[in-house]
Amino acid sequence: MMNYDDTHGRAQRRAGAKLGFYIHLFVYITVNLFLIFVNLSTNPHRLWFRWPLFGWGIGLFCHGFAIFVGPKLRQRLVDRELKGNDS
């Protein structure tokens, strides 16, 4: 059985992970808006901003998946394993 300290510690880690993702998202948007501005200001005929937008977007997607989907998926797999061992 989990006590208060375990539950509180897990909640703090999850909140910290989510905050880290939101900071990552903010920086992604801010930096990429700046890159779009620079690209369109200096050479609007060659749109290079899409490459860092796309590459970093993959990393941001993976970060979000790990924070918001991964723990639920892991718990589902653990529950399935426990259920399979009871048979």
PDB file of N, CA and C in Angstrom:
ATOM      1  N   MET A   1       0.846  -1.188   0.000  1.00  0.00           N
ATOM      2  CA  MET A   1       0.000   0.000   0.000  1.00  0.00           C
ATOM      3  C   MET A   1       0.887   1.246   0.000  1.00  0.00           C
ATOM      4  N   MET A   2       0.493   2.220  -0.801  1.00  0.00           N
ATOM      5  CA  MET A   2       1.277   3.449  -0.888  1.00  0.00           C
ATOM      6  C   MET A   2       0.928   4.398   0.239  1.00  0.00           C
ATOM      7  N   ASN A   3       1.946   5.031   0.772  1.00  0.00           N
ATOM      8  CA  ASN A   3       1.662   6.025   1.792  1.00  0.00           C
ATOM      9  C   ASN A   3       1.652   7.412   1.153  1.00  0.00           C
ATOM     10  N   TYR A   4       1.405   8.417   1.961  1.00  0.00           N
ATOM     11  CA  TYR A   4       1.290   9.790   1.475  1.00  0.00           C
ATOM     12  C   TYR A   4       2.562  10.246   0.779  1.00  0.00           C
ATOM     13  N   ASP A   5       3.722   9.943   1.344  1.00  0.00           N
ATOM     14  CA  ASP A   5       4.987  10.394   0.767  1.00  0.00           C
ATOM     15  C   ASP A   5       5.209   9.825  -0.631  1.00  0.00           C
ATOM     16  N   ASP A   6       4.880   8.542  -0.844  1.00  0.00           N
ATOM     17  CA  ASP A   6       5.016   7.931  -2.169  1.00  0.00           C
ATOM     18  C   ASP A   6       4.090   8.614  -3.170  1.00  0.00           C
ATOM     19  N   THR A   7       2.850   8.793  -2.779  1.00  0.00           N
ATOM     20  CA  THR A   7       1.865   9.409  -3.661  1.00  0.00           C
ATOM     21  C   THR A   7       2.243  10.856  -3.963  1.00  0.00           C
ATOM     22  N   HIS A   8       2.656  11.574  -2.941  1.00  0.00           N
ATOM     23  CA  HIS A   8       3.041  12.978  -3.108  1.00  0.00           C
ATOM     24  C   HIS A   8       4.276  13.087  -4.003  1.00  0.00           C
ATOM     25  N   GLY A   9       5.236  12.225  -3.805  1.00  0.00           N
ATOM     26  CA  GLY A   9       6.448  12.238  -4.631  1.00  0.00           C
ATOM     27  C   GLY A   9       6.148  11.939  -6.090  1.00  0.00           C
ATOM     28  N   ARG A  10       5.290  10.955  -6.325  1.00  0.00           N
ATOM     29  CA  ARG A  10       4.899  10.628  -7.706  1.00  0.00           C
ATOM     30  C   ARG A  10       4.165  11.796  -8.343  1.00  0.00           C
ATOM     31  N   ALA A  11       3.280  12.434  -7.589  1.00  0.00           N
ATOM     32  CA  ALA A  11       2.528  13.581  -8.119  1.00  0.00           C
ATOM     33  C   ALA A  11       3.475  14.734  -8.453  1.00  0.00           C
ATOM     34  N   GLN A  12       4.467  14.959  -7.609  1.00  0.00           N
ATOM     35  CA  GLN A  12       5.435  16.025  -7.879  1.00  0.00           C
ATOM     36  C   GLN A  12       6.250  15.727  -9.137  1.00  0.00           C
ATOM     37  N   ARG A  13       6.671  14.482  -9.305  1.00  0.00           N
ATOM     38  CA  ARG A  13       7.440  14.105 -10.501  1.00  0.00           C
ATOM     39  C   ARG A  13       6.599  14.273 -11.763  1.00  0.00           C
ATOM     40  N   ARG A  14       5.342  13.845 -11.707  1.00  0.00           N
ATOM     41  CA  ARG A  14       4.450  13.986 -12.877  1.00  0.00           C
ATOM     42  C   ARG A  14       4.209  15.458 -13.192  1.00  0.00           C
ATOM     43  N   ALA A  15       3.975  16.266 -12.169  1.00  0.00           N
ATOM     44  CA  ALA A  15       3.754  17.699 -12.391  1.00  0.00           C
ATOM     45  C   ALA A  15       5.010  18.344 -12.976  1.00  0.00           C
ATOM     46  N   GLY A  16       6.177  17.950 -12.490  1.00  0.00           N
ATOM     47  CA  GLY A  16       7.429  18.478 -13.023  1.00  0.00           C
ATOM     48  C   GLY A  16       7.644  18.076 -14.474  1.00  0.00           C
ATOM     49  N   ALA A  17       7.304  16.845 -14.805  1.00  0.00           N
ATOM     50  CA  ALA A  17       7.432  16.369 -16.187  1.00  0.00           C
ATOM     51  C   ALA A  17       6.496  17.139 -17.114  1.00  0.00           C
ATOM     52  N   LYS A  18       5.266  17.370 -16.666  1.00  0.00           N
ATOM     53  CA  LYS A  18       4.319  18.131 -17.482  1.00  0.00           C
ATOM     54  C   LYS A  18       4.775  19.576 -17.650  1.00  0.00           C
ATOM     55  N   LEU A  19       5.290  20.170 -16.574  1.00  0.00           N
ATOM     56  CA  LEU A  19       5.811  21.533 -16.673  1.00  0.00           C
ATOM     57  C   LEU A  19       6.973  21.590 -17.661  1.00  0.00           C
ATOM     58  N   GLY A  20       7.841  20.597 -17.619  1.00  0.00           N
ATOM     59  CA  GLY A  20       8.952  20.532 -18.570  1.00  0.00           C
ATOM     60  C   GLY A  20       8.465  20.473 -20.006  1.00  0.00           C
ATOM     61  N   PHE A  21       7.391  19.714 -20.256  1.00  0.00           N
ATOM     62  CA  PHE A  21       6.834  19.659 -21.606  1.00  0.00           C
ATOM     63  C   PHE A  21       6.265  21.010 -22.015  1.00  0.00           C
ATOM     64  N   TYR A  22       5.534  21.680 -21.119  1.00  0.00           N
ATOM     65  CA  TYR A  22       4.946  22.979 -21.463  1.00  0.00           C
ATOM     66  C   TYR A  22       6.031  24.020 -21.737  1.00  0.00           C
ATOM     67  N   ILE A  23       7.127  23.966 -21.008  1.00  0.00           N
ATOM     68  CA  ILE A  23       8.252  24.865 -21.280  1.00  0.00           C
ATOM     69  C   ILE A  23       8.842  24.551 -22.649  1.00  0.00           C
ATOM     70  N   HIS A  24       9.021  23.271 -22.949  1.00  0.00           N
ATOM     71  CA  HIS A  24       9.533  22.839 -24.255  1.00  0.00           C
ATOM     72  C   HIS A  24       8.628  23.354 -25.372  1.00  0.00           C
ATOM     73  N   LEU A  25       7.315  23.222 -25.196  1.00  0.00           N
ATOM     74  CA  LEU A  25       6.354  23.692 -26.189  1.00  0.00           C
ATOM     75  C   LEU A  25       6.453  25.205 -26.381  1.00  0.00           C
ATOM     76  N   PHE A  26       6.552  25.952 -25.301  1.00  0.00           N
ATOM     77  CA  PHE A  26       6.674  27.413 -25.384  1.00  0.00           C
ATOM     78  C   PHE A  26       7.935  27.822 -26.142  1.00  0.00           C
ATOM     79  N   VAL A  27       9.049  27.185 -25.821  1.00  0.00           N
ATOM     80  CA  VAL A  27      10.309  27.504 -26.497  1.00  0.00           C
ATOM     81  C   VAL A  27      10.225  27.129 -27.972  1.00  0.00           C
ATOM     82  N   TYR A  28       9.635  25.983 -28.276  1.00  0.00           N
ATOM     83  CA  TYR A  28       9.447  25.546 -29.670  1.00  0.00           C
ATOM     84  C   TYR A  28       8.679  26.595 -30.467  1.00  0.00           C
ATOM     85  N   ILE A  29       7.565  27.046 -29.924  1.00  0.00           N
ATOM     86  CA  ILE A  29       6.736  28.036 -30.625  1.00  0.00           C
ATOM     87  C   ILE A  29       7.493  29.353 -30.782  1.00  0.00           C
ATOM     88  N   THR A  30       8.112  29.821 -29.713  1.00  0.00           N
ATOM     89  CA  THR A  30       8.816  31.098 -29.745  1.00  0.00           C
ATOM     90  C   THR A  30       9.973  31.081 -30.742  1.00  0.00           C
ATOM     91  N   VAL A  31      10.818  30.083 -30.653  1.00  0.00           N
ATOM     92  CA  VAL A  31      11.989  30.009 -31.532  1.00  0.00           C
ATOM     93  C   VAL A  31      11.556  29.837 -32.981  1.00  0.00           C
ATOM     94  N   ASN A  32      10.575  28.993 -33.224  1.00  0.00           N
ATOM     95  CA  ASN A  32      10.155  28.763 -34.604  1.00  0.00           C
ATOM     96  C   ASN A  32       9.438  29.965 -35.202  1.00  0.00           C
ATOM     97  N   LEU A  33       8.696  30.721 -34.422  1.00  0.00           N
ATOM     98  CA  LEU A  33       8.138  31.979 -34.931  1.00  0.00           C
ATOM     99  C   LEU A  33       9.260  32.937 -35.331  1.00  0.00           C
ATOM    100  N   PHE A  34      10.302  32.993 -34.520  1.00  0.00           N
ATOM    101  CA  PHE A  34      11.461  33.831 -34.851  1.00  0.00           C
ATOM    102  C   PHE A  34      12.131  33.349 -36.140  1.00  0.00           C
ATOM    103  N   LEU A  35      12.311  32.023 -36.283  1.00  0.00           N
ATOM    104  CA  LEU A  35      12.929  31.484 -37.497  1.00  0.00           C
ATOM    105  C   LEU A  35      12.073  31.765 -38.734  1.00  0.00           C
ATOM    106  N   ILE A  36      10.776  31.664 -38.595  1.00  0.00           N
ATOM    107  CA  ILE A  36       9.880  31.978 -39.712  1.00  0.00           C
ATOM    108  C   ILE A  36      10.028  33.449 -40.097  1.00  0.00           C
ATOM    109  N   PHE A  37      10.050  34.325 -39.109  1.00  0.00           N
ATOM    110  CA  PHE A  37      10.230  35.755 -39.355  1.00  0.00           C
ATOM    111  C   PHE A  37      11.558  36.030 -40.070  1.00  0.00           C
ATOM    112  N   VAL A  38      12.638  35.439 -39.578  1.00  0.00           N
ATOM    113  CA  VAL A  38      13.955  35.645 -40.194  1.00  0.00           C
ATOM    114  C   VAL A  38      13.955  35.134 -41.633  1.00  0.00           C
ATOM    115  N   ASN A  39      13.418  33.944 -41.836  1.00  0.00           N
ATOM    116  CA  ASN A  39      13.381  33.360 -43.177  1.00  0.00           C
ATOM    117  C   ASN A  39      12.586  34.239 -44.151  1.00  0.00           C
ATOM    118  N   LEU A  40      11.395  34.627 -43.746  1.00  0.00           N
ATOM    119  CA  LEU A  40      10.549  35.418 -44.638  1.00  0.00           C
ATOM    120  C   LEU A  40      11.078  36.832 -44.849  1.00  0.00           C
ATOM    121  N   SER A  41      11.851  37.339 -43.888  1.00  0.00           N
ATOM    122  CA  SER A  41      12.445  38.673 -44.015  1.00  0.00           C
ATOM    123  C   SER A  41      13.662  38.680 -44.926  1.00  0.00           C
ATOM    124  N   THR A  42      14.427  37.615 -44.892  1.00  0.00           N
ATOM    125  CA  THR A  42      15.696  37.605 -45.628  1.00  0.00           C
ATOM    126  C   THR A  42      15.613  36.906 -46.972  1.00  0.00           C
ATOM    127  N   ASN A  43      14.867  35.823 -47.072  1.00  0.00           N
ATOM    128  CA  ASN A  43      14.820  35.058 -48.315  1.00  0.00           C
ATOM    129  C   ASN A  43      13.466  34.351 -48.437  1.00  0.00           C
ATOM    130  N   PRO A  44      12.415  35.103 -48.778  1.00  0.00           N
ATOM    131  CA  PRO A  44      11.075  34.508 -48.804  1.00  0.00           C
ATOM    132  C   PRO A  44      10.875  33.486 -49.931  1.00  0.00           C
ATOM    133  N   HIS A  45      11.798  33.427 -50.886  1.00  0.00           N
ATOM    134  CA  HIS A  45      11.654  32.487 -51.996  1.00  0.00           C
ATOM    135  C   HIS A  45      12.189  31.100 -51.662  1.00  0.00           C
ATOM    136  N   ARG A  46      12.980  31.004 -50.626  1.00  0.00           N
ATOM    137  CA  ARG A  46      13.525  29.715 -50.190  1.00  0.00           C
ATOM    138  C   ARG A  46      13.098  29.493 -48.740  1.00  0.00           C
ATOM    139  N   LEU A  47      12.123  28.657 -48.541  1.00  0.00           N
ATOM    140  CA  LEU A  47      11.530  28.457 -47.212  1.00  0.00           C
ATOM    141  C   LEU A  47      12.262  27.337 -46.462  1.00  0.00           C
ATOM    142  N   TRP A  48      13.317  27.712 -45.775  1.00  0.00           N
ATOM    143  CA  TRP A  48      14.105  26.731 -45.019  1.00  0.00           C
ATOM    144  C   TRP A  48      13.584  26.514 -43.607  1.00  0.00           C
ATOM    145  N   PHE A  49      12.731  27.430 -43.110  1.00  0.00           N
ATOM    146  CA  PHE A  49      12.267  27.331 -41.717  1.00  0.00           C
ATOM    147  C   PHE A  49      11.511  26.041 -41.449  1.00  0.00           C
ATOM    148  N   ARG A  50      10.951  25.439 -42.504  1.00  0.00           N
ATOM    149  CA  ARG A  50      10.140  24.241 -42.288  1.00  0.00           C
ATOM    150  C   ARG A  50      10.956  23.051 -41.800  1.00  0.00           C
ATOM    151  N   TRP A  51      12.256  23.020 -42.107  1.00  0.00           N
ATOM    152  CA  TRP A  51      13.091  21.881 -41.705  1.00  0.00           C
ATOM    153  C   TRP A  51      13.325  21.850 -40.195  1.00  0.00           C
ATOM    154  N   PRO A  52      13.745  22.959 -39.572  1.00  0.00           N
ATOM    155  CA  PRO A  52      13.842  22.898 -38.102  1.00  0.00           C
ATOM    156  C   PRO A  52      12.472  22.747 -37.438  1.00  0.00           C
ATOM    157  N   LEU A  53      11.444  23.338 -38.048  1.00  0.00           N
ATOM    158  CA  LEU A  53      10.090  23.205 -37.518  1.00  0.00           C
ATOM    159  C   LEU A  53       9.676  21.733 -37.498  1.00  0.00           C
ATOM    160  N   PHE A  54       9.936  21.034 -38.585  1.00  0.00           N
ATOM    161  CA  PHE A  54       9.584  19.625 -38.706  1.00  0.00           C
ATOM    162  C   PHE A  54      10.443  18.741 -37.787  1.00  0.00           C
ATOM    163  N   GLY A  55      11.764  18.935 -37.847  1.00  0.00           N
ATOM    164  CA  GLY A  55      12.660  18.107 -37.037  1.00  0.00           C
ATOM    165  C   GLY A  55      12.426  18.254 -35.552  1.00  0.00           C
ATOM    166  N   TRP A  56      12.348  19.488 -35.100  1.00  0.00           N
ATOM    167  CA  TRP A  56      12.101  19.746 -33.689  1.00  0.00           C
ATOM    168  C   TRP A  56      10.688  19.299 -33.318  1.00  0.00           C
ATOM    169  N   GLY A  57       9.753  19.410 -34.257  1.00  0.00           N
ATOM    170  CA  GLY A  57       8.383  18.972 -34.012  1.00  0.00           C
ATOM    171  C   GLY A  57       8.305  17.486 -33.707  1.00  0.00           C
ATOM    172  N   ILE A  58       9.148  16.703 -34.388  1.00  0.00           N
ATOM    173  CA  ILE A  58       9.193  15.263 -34.096  1.00  0.00           C
ATOM    174  C   ILE A  58       9.628  15.039 -32.652  1.00  0.00           C
ATOM    175  N   GLY A  59      10.665  15.753 -32.234  1.00  0.00           N
ATOM    176  CA  GLY A  59      11.128  15.640 -30.850  1.00  0.00           C
ATOM    177  C   GLY A  59      10.079  16.083 -29.850  1.00  0.00           C
ATOM    178  N   LEU A  60       9.377  17.160 -30.162  1.00  0.00           N
ATOM    179  CA  LEU A  60       8.324  17.656 -29.278  1.00  0.00           C
ATOM    180  C   LEU A  60       7.177  16.652 -29.187  1.00  0.00           C
ATOM    181  N   PHE A  61       6.813  16.056 -30.322  1.00  0.00           N
ATOM    182  CA  PHE A  61       5.768  15.034 -30.328  1.00  0.00           C
ATOM    183  C   PHE A  61       6.165  13.853 -29.438  1.00  0.00           C
ATOM    184  N   CYS A  62       7.415  13.401 -29.584  1.00  0.00           N
ATOM    185  CA  CYS A  62       7.887  12.272 -28.765  1.00  0.00           C
ATOM    186  C   CYS A  62       7.886  12.623 -27.276  1.00  0.00           C
ATOM    187  N   HIS A  63       8.278  13.857 -26.959  1.00  0.00           N
ATOM    188  CA  HIS A  63       8.271  14.313 -25.574  1.00  0.00           C
ATOM    189  C   HIS A  63       6.838  14.285 -25.032  1.00  0.00           C
ATOM    190  N   GLY A  64       5.900  14.830 -25.783  1.00  0.00           N
ATOM    191  CA  GLY A  64       4.500  14.841 -25.353  1.00  0.00           C
ATOM    192  C   GLY A  64       3.937  13.433 -25.210  1.00  0.00           C
ATOM    193  N   PHE A  65       4.278  12.556 -26.143  1.00  0.00           N
ATOM    194  CA  PHE A  65       3.822  11.166 -26.071  1.00  0.00           C
ATOM    195  C   PHE A  65       4.343  10.516 -24.790  1.00  0.00           C
ATOM    196  N   ALA A  66       5.621  10.737 -24.495  1.00  0.00           N
ATOM    197  CA  ALA A  66       6.225  10.138 -23.293  1.00  0.00           C
ATOM    198  C   ALA A  66       5.585  10.663 -22.010  1.00  0.00           C
ATOM    199  N   ILE A  67       5.149  11.903 -22.012  1.00  0.00           N
ATOM    200  CA  ILE A  67       4.570  12.507 -20.807  1.00  0.00           C
ATOM    201  C   ILE A  67       3.096  12.153 -20.632  1.00  0.00           C
ATOM    202  N   PHE A  68       2.329  12.218 -21.724  1.00  0.00           N
ATOM    203  CA  PHE A  68       0.878  12.103 -21.601  1.00  0.00           C
ATOM    204  C   PHE A  68       0.323  10.727 -21.964  1.00  0.00           C
ATOM    205  N   VAL A  69       0.971  10.000 -22.847  1.00  0.00           N
ATOM    206  CA  VAL A  69       0.451   8.701 -23.282  1.00  0.00           C
ATOM    207  C   VAL A  69       1.232   7.552 -22.646  1.00  0.00           C
ATOM    208  N   GLY A  70       2.536   7.694 -22.567  1.00  0.00           N
ATOM    209  CA  GLY A  70       3.395   6.627 -22.070  1.00  0.00           C
ATOM    210  C   GLY A  70       3.009   6.049 -20.726  1.00  0.00           C
ATOM    211  N   PRO A  71       2.790   6.875 -19.700  1.00  0.00           N
ATOM    212  CA  PRO A  71       2.436   6.315 -18.390  1.00  0.00           C
ATOM    213  C   PRO A  71       1.125   5.522 -18.398  1.00  0.00           C
ATOM    214  N   LYS A  72       0.142   5.996 -19.156  1.00  0.00           N
ATOM    215  CA  LYS A  72      -1.143   5.277 -19.221  1.00  0.00           C
ATOM    216  C   LYS A  72      -0.970   3.956 -19.962  1.00  0.00           C
ATOM    217  N   LEU A  73      -0.193   3.984 -21.032  1.00  0.00           N
ATOM    218  CA  LEU A  73       0.073   2.765 -21.783  1.00  0.00           C
ATOM    219  C   LEU A  73       0.837   1.768 -20.921  1.00  0.00           C
ATOM    220  N   ARG A  74       1.828   2.251 -20.193  1.00  0.00           N
ATOM    221  CA  ARG A  74       2.609   1.380 -19.309  1.00  0.00           C
ATOM    222  C   ARG A  74       1.718   0.741 -18.248  1.00  0.00           C
ATOM    223  N   GLN A  75       0.836   1.542 -17.646  1.00  0.00           N
ATOM    224  CA  GLN A  75      -0.052   1.004 -16.611  1.00  0.00           C
ATOM    225  C   GLN A  75      -0.991  -0.040 -17.186  1.00  0.00           C
ATOM    226  N   ARG A  76      -1.490   0.202 -18.396  1.00  0.00           N
ATOM    227  CA  ARG A  76      -2.358  -0.777 -19.050  1.00  0.00           C
ATOM    228  C   ARG A  76      -1.626  -2.090 -19.284  1.00  0.00           C
ATOM    229  N   LEU A  77      -0.355  -1.995 -19.711  1.00  0.00           N
ATOM    230  CA  LEU A  77       0.439  -3.203 -19.937  1.00  0.00           C
ATOM    231  C   LEU A  77       0.723  -3.938 -18.626  1.00  0.00           C
ATOM    232  N   VAL A  78       1.019  -3.192 -17.565  1.00  0.00           N
ATOM    233  CA  VAL A  78       1.253  -3.804 -16.257  1.00  0.00           C
ATOM    234  C   VAL A  78      -0.021  -4.503 -15.776  1.00  0.00           C
ATOM    235  N   ASP A  79      -1.153  -3.827 -15.908  1.00  0.00           N
ATOM    236  CA  ASP A  79      -2.430  -4.432 -15.496  1.00  0.00           C
ATOM    237  C   ASP A  79      -2.710  -5.704 -16.288  1.00  0.00           C
ATOM    238  N   ARG A  80      -2.414  -5.676 -17.583  1.00  0.00           N
ATOM    239  CA  ARG A  80      -2.630  -6.860 -18.413  1.00  0.00           C
ATOM    240  C   ARG A  80      -1.727  -8.009 -17.978  1.00  0.00           C
ATOM    241  N   GLU A  81      -0.482  -7.693 -17.639  1.00  0.00           N
ATOM    242  CA  GLU A  81       0.447  -8.736 -17.161  1.00  0.00           C
ATOM    243  C   GLU A  81      -0.031  -9.327 -15.843  1.00  0.00           C
ATOM    244  N   LEU A  82      -0.481  -8.474 -14.940  1.00  0.00           N
ATOM    245  CA  LEU A  82      -0.971  -8.958 -13.646  1.00  0.00           C
ATOM    246  C   LEU A  82      -2.222  -9.819 -13.834  1.00  0.00           C
ATOM    247  N   LYS A  83      -3.080  -9.411 -14.729  1.00  0.00           N
ATOM    248  CA  LYS A  83      -4.288 -10.177 -15.000  1.00  0.00           C
ATOM    249  C   LYS A  83      -3.938 -11.513 -15.613  1.00  0.00           C
ATOM    250  N   GLY A  84      -2.946 -11.553 -16.501  1.00  0.00           N
ATOM    251  CA  GLY A  84      -2.520 -12.788 -17.136  1.00  0.00           C
ATOM    252  C   GLY A  84      -1.877 -13.758 -16.162  1.00  0.00           C
ATOM    253  N   ASN A  85      -1.205 -13.242 -15.136  1.00  0.00           N
ATOM    254  CA  ASN A  85      -0.565 -14.092 -14.138  1.00  0.00           C
ATOM    255  C   ASN A  85      -1.557 -14.679 -13.158  1.00  0.00           C
ATOM    256  N   ASP A  86      -2.744 -14.086 -13.037  1.00  0.00           N
ATOM    257  CA  ASP A  86      -3.760 -14.610 -12.121  1.00  0.00           C
ATOM    258  C   ASP A  86      -4.464 -15.835 -12.693  1.00  0.00           C
ATOM    259  N   SER A  87      -4.408 -16.024 -13.984  1.00  0.00           N
ATOM    260  CA  SER A  87      -5.131 -17.153 -14.623  1.00  0.00           C
ATOM    261  C   SER A  87      -4.523 -18.475 -14.302  1.00  0.00           C
TER     262      SER A  87
END
